Amino acid sequence: QTCKNEDFLLLLKTNRRDTWRSLVSASFELDVKDIPIFSIVDARNHMHKVSARMSSPEVLFEIQQNVSKIQVPNNNDMEMAMKHQALQEIIVYKVYMDGEDGKPGLVEEAGCGSGEKGYAAFQCAMADFEGDPLIGEYTQSAMLKMFDAAGINPGEVMEPGSQPRLTP
């Protein structure tokens, strides 16, 4: 009985991954074969690099600089939305896609290609590990630092009990 349950769970996981990859590949005009399949070790290593970059003084300072310019008098919801948008742009472009010191960006380094398509492929490959506790810890720690730098109270933008997400 246990073998059948494990086989069924593997089938569900594989079908979920294949469906998600098909959707992402169609949406971003990617070849499904170009979306890597990471091992758990590789996924954790990639997210450790991402969270380290997200928490770097340079990125946090850029967030503070960009968000400090956003002021929408008498409209807190619009101001919050604009701050969140500025934060997401820095995450996608500065953290994931831009390289440091002439090196390739994190998504390119991970073998996902470059630019927005590389970012989409990376996020798709990482979706297999969204429930991993260590990856969640990396993500949550870095996102909280970024929210703090942006002057955003995470409780205002998340449902109670949920965790910050990397995807815009």
Protein backbone atom coordinates (compact mmCIF):
# COMPACT_ATOMS: atom_id res chain seq x y z
CA GLN A 1 0.00 0.00 0.00
CA THR A 2 2.80 2.44 0.87
CA CYS A 3 4.50 1.87 -2.48
CA LYS A 4 1.28 2.68 -4.32
CA ASN A 5 0.84 5.89 -2.27
CA GLU A 6 4.42 6.98 -2.95
CA ASP A 7 4.00 6.22 -6.66
CA PHE A 8 0.78 8.22 -6.72
CA LEU A 9 2.39 11.19 -4.92
CA LEU A 10 5.31 11.13 -7.35
CA LEU A 11 2.86 11.06 -10.25
CA LEU A 12 1.01 14.09 -8.83
CA LYS A 13 4.27 15.98 -8.27
CA THR A 14 5.49 15.21 -11.79
CA ASN A 15 2.17 16.19 -13.37
CA ARG A 16 2.09 19.43 -11.36
CA ARG A 17 5.64 20.30 -12.41
CA ASP A 18 4.99 19.44 -16.07
CA THR A 19 1.76 21.46 -16.14
CA TRP A 20 3.43 24.47 -14.53
CA ARG A 21 6.40 24.24 -16.93
CA SER A 22 4.05 24.06 -19.91
CA LEU A 23 2.15 27.12 -18.72
CA VAL A 24 5.30 29.16 -18.05
CA SER A 25 6.93 28.09 -21.30
CA ALA A 26 3.85 29.10 -23.31
CA SER A 27 3.48 32.41 -21.46
CA PHE A 28 7.12 33.43 -21.87
CA GLU A 29 7.78 31.74 -25.22
CA LEU A 30 10.30 29.35 -23.67
CA ASP A 31 11.16 25.85 -24.73
CA VAL A 32 10.21 23.53 -21.87
CA LYS A 33 13.56 21.79 -22.38
CA ASP A 34 15.31 25.06 -21.48
CA ILE A 35 13.85 25.09 -17.97
CA PRO A 36 16.28 23.22 -15.75
CA ILE A 37 15.34 20.70 -13.10
CA PHE A 38 17.32 21.50 -9.96
CA SER A 39 18.28 19.06 -7.24
CA ILE A 40 17.30 20.12 -3.73
CA VAL A 41 20.96 20.89 -3.00
CA ASP A 42 21.26 23.11 -6.08
CA ALA A 43 17.95 24.84 -5.32
CA ARG A 44 19.07 25.61 -1.77
CA ASN A 45 22.42 26.89 -3.00
CA HIS A 46 20.74 29.12 -5.58
CA MET A 47 18.33 30.55 -3.01
CA HIS A 48 21.16 31.12 -0.56
CA LYS A 49 22.88 33.26 -3.20
CA VAL A 50 19.61 35.06 -3.97
CA SER A 51 18.90 35.81 -0.31
CA ALA A 52 22.49 36.98 0.25
CA ARG A 53 22.14 39.35 -2.70
CA MET A 54 18.74 40.55 -1.48
CA SER A 55 20.23 41.31 1.94
CA SER A 56 23.38 42.98 0.62
CA PRO A 57 24.00 46.55 1.75
CA GLU A 58 24.06 47.74 -1.88
CA VAL A 59 20.62 46.34 -2.66
CA LEU A 60 19.10 47.53 0.63
CA PHE A 61 20.53 51.01 0.04
CA GLU A 62 19.10 51.09 -3.49
CA ILE A 63 15.71 50.13 -2.09
CA GLN A 64 15.89 52.93 0.47
CA GLN A 65 16.89 55.44 -2.21
CA ASN A 66 14.17 54.42 -4.69
CA VAL A 67 11.37 54.12 -2.18
CA SER A 68 12.20 57.36 -0.34
CA LYS A 69 11.23 59.27 -3.51
CA ILE A 70 7.72 57.81 -3.47
CA GLN A 71 5.18 60.03 -1.76
CA VAL A 72 1.49 60.04 -2.56
CA PRO A 73 -0.30 62.49 -0.24
CA ASN A 74 -3.64 61.31 1.13
CA ASN A 75 -3.48 57.92 -0.60
CA ASN A 76 -1.72 55.30 1.51
CA ASP A 77 -2.91 52.44 -0.69
CA MET A 78 -1.39 53.99 -3.82
CA GLU A 79 1.84 54.80 -1.99
CA MET A 80 2.07 51.23 -0.71
CA ALA A 81 1.42 49.83 -4.19
CA MET A 82 4.13 52.06 -5.69
CA LYS A 83 6.63 51.07 -2.99
CA HIS A 84 5.84 47.41 -3.54
CA GLN A 85 6.31 47.85 -7.31
CA ALA A 86 9.68 49.56 -6.78
CA LEU A 87 10.72 46.72 -4.47
CA GLN A 88 9.69 44.07 -7.01
CA GLU A 89 11.62 45.79 -9.80
CA ILE A 90 14.77 45.76 -7.70
CA ILE A 91 14.24 42.10 -6.81
CA VAL A 92 13.77 41.02 -10.42
CA TYR A 93 16.31 43.24 -12.16
CA LYS A 94 18.99 43.97 -9.56
CA VAL A 95 18.93 40.75 -7.54
CA TYR A 96 18.14 38.08 -10.12
CA MET A 97 19.15 39.41 -13.52
CA ASP A 98 22.05 41.84 -12.99
CA GLY A 99 25.52 40.43 -12.45
CA GLU A 100 28.09 41.89 -10.12
CA ASP A 101 31.60 42.88 -11.17
CA GLY A 102 31.14 41.70 -14.75
CA LYS A 103 29.81 38.29 -13.70
CA PRO A 104 26.56 36.87 -15.09
CA GLY A 105 23.33 37.41 -13.16
CA LEU A 106 22.10 34.78 -10.72
CA VAL A 107 19.55 33.33 -13.14
CA GLU A 108 22.19 33.00 -15.86
CA GLU A 109 24.65 31.50 -13.38
CA ALA A 110 21.99 28.93 -12.46
CA GLY A 111 21.76 27.83 -16.10
CA CYS A 112 18.38 29.42 -16.80
CA GLY A 113 19.41 31.90 -19.47
CA SER A 114 19.42 35.66 -19.14
CA GLY A 115 16.93 38.48 -18.96
CA GLU A 116 13.25 38.13 -18.23
CA LYS A 117 13.01 34.72 -19.87
CA GLY A 118 15.87 33.51 -17.65
CA TYR A 119 14.06 34.91 -14.63
CA ALA A 120 10.85 33.09 -15.62
CA ALA A 121 12.76 29.83 -16.16
CA PHE A 122 14.49 30.20 -12.78
CA GLN A 123 11.22 30.82 -10.93
CA CYS A 124 9.63 27.88 -12.72
CA ALA A 125 12.52 25.58 -11.75
CA MET A 126 12.37 26.80 -8.15
CA ALA A 127 8.61 26.17 -7.91
CA ASP A 128 9.40 22.51 -7.26
CA PHE A 129 10.82 23.53 -3.87
CA GLU A 130 8.35 26.14 -2.64
CA GLY A 131 7.59 24.08 0.48
CA ASP A 132 11.21 23.47 1.45
CA PRO A 133 11.76 24.86 4.98
CA LEU A 134 15.35 26.00 4.39
CA ILE A 135 14.48 27.81 1.17
CA GLY A 136 11.51 29.36 2.98
CA GLU A 137 13.79 30.53 5.77
CA TYR A 138 16.22 32.11 3.29
CA THR A 139 13.37 33.82 1.48
CA GLN A 140 11.59 35.08 4.56
CA SER A 141 14.73 36.46 6.18
CA ALA A 142 15.79 38.35 3.05
CA MET A 143 12.29 39.63 2.24
CA LEU A 144 11.83 40.99 5.75
CA LYS A 145 15.10 42.94 5.40
CA MET A 146 13.95 44.29 2.05
CA PHE A 147 10.53 45.26 3.41
CA ASP A 148 12.25 47.03 6.29
CA ALA A 149 14.52 48.94 3.88
CA ALA A 150 11.45 49.94 1.87
CA GLY A 151 9.56 51.06 4.96
CA ILE A 152 6.86 48.49 4.32
CA ASN A 153 5.21 46.72 7.21
CA PRO A 154 4.87 43.10 6.00
CA GLY A 155 1.71 42.71 8.03
CA GLU A 156 0.05 45.27 5.76
CA VAL A 157 0.81 43.38 2.54
CA MET A 158 0.47 39.74 3.60
CA GLU A 159 -2.29 37.55 4.89
CA PRO A 160 -1.83 36.51 8.53
CA GLY A 161 0.41 33.43 8.78
CA SER A 162 1.70 33.70 5.21
CA GLN A 163 5.33 34.18 4.18
CA PRO A 164 6.85 36.75 1.86
CA ARG A 165 7.20 35.53 -1.73
CA LEU A 166 9.94 36.24 -4.20
CA THR A 167 7.82 36.36 -7.29
CA PRO A 168 6.22 39.63 -8.29
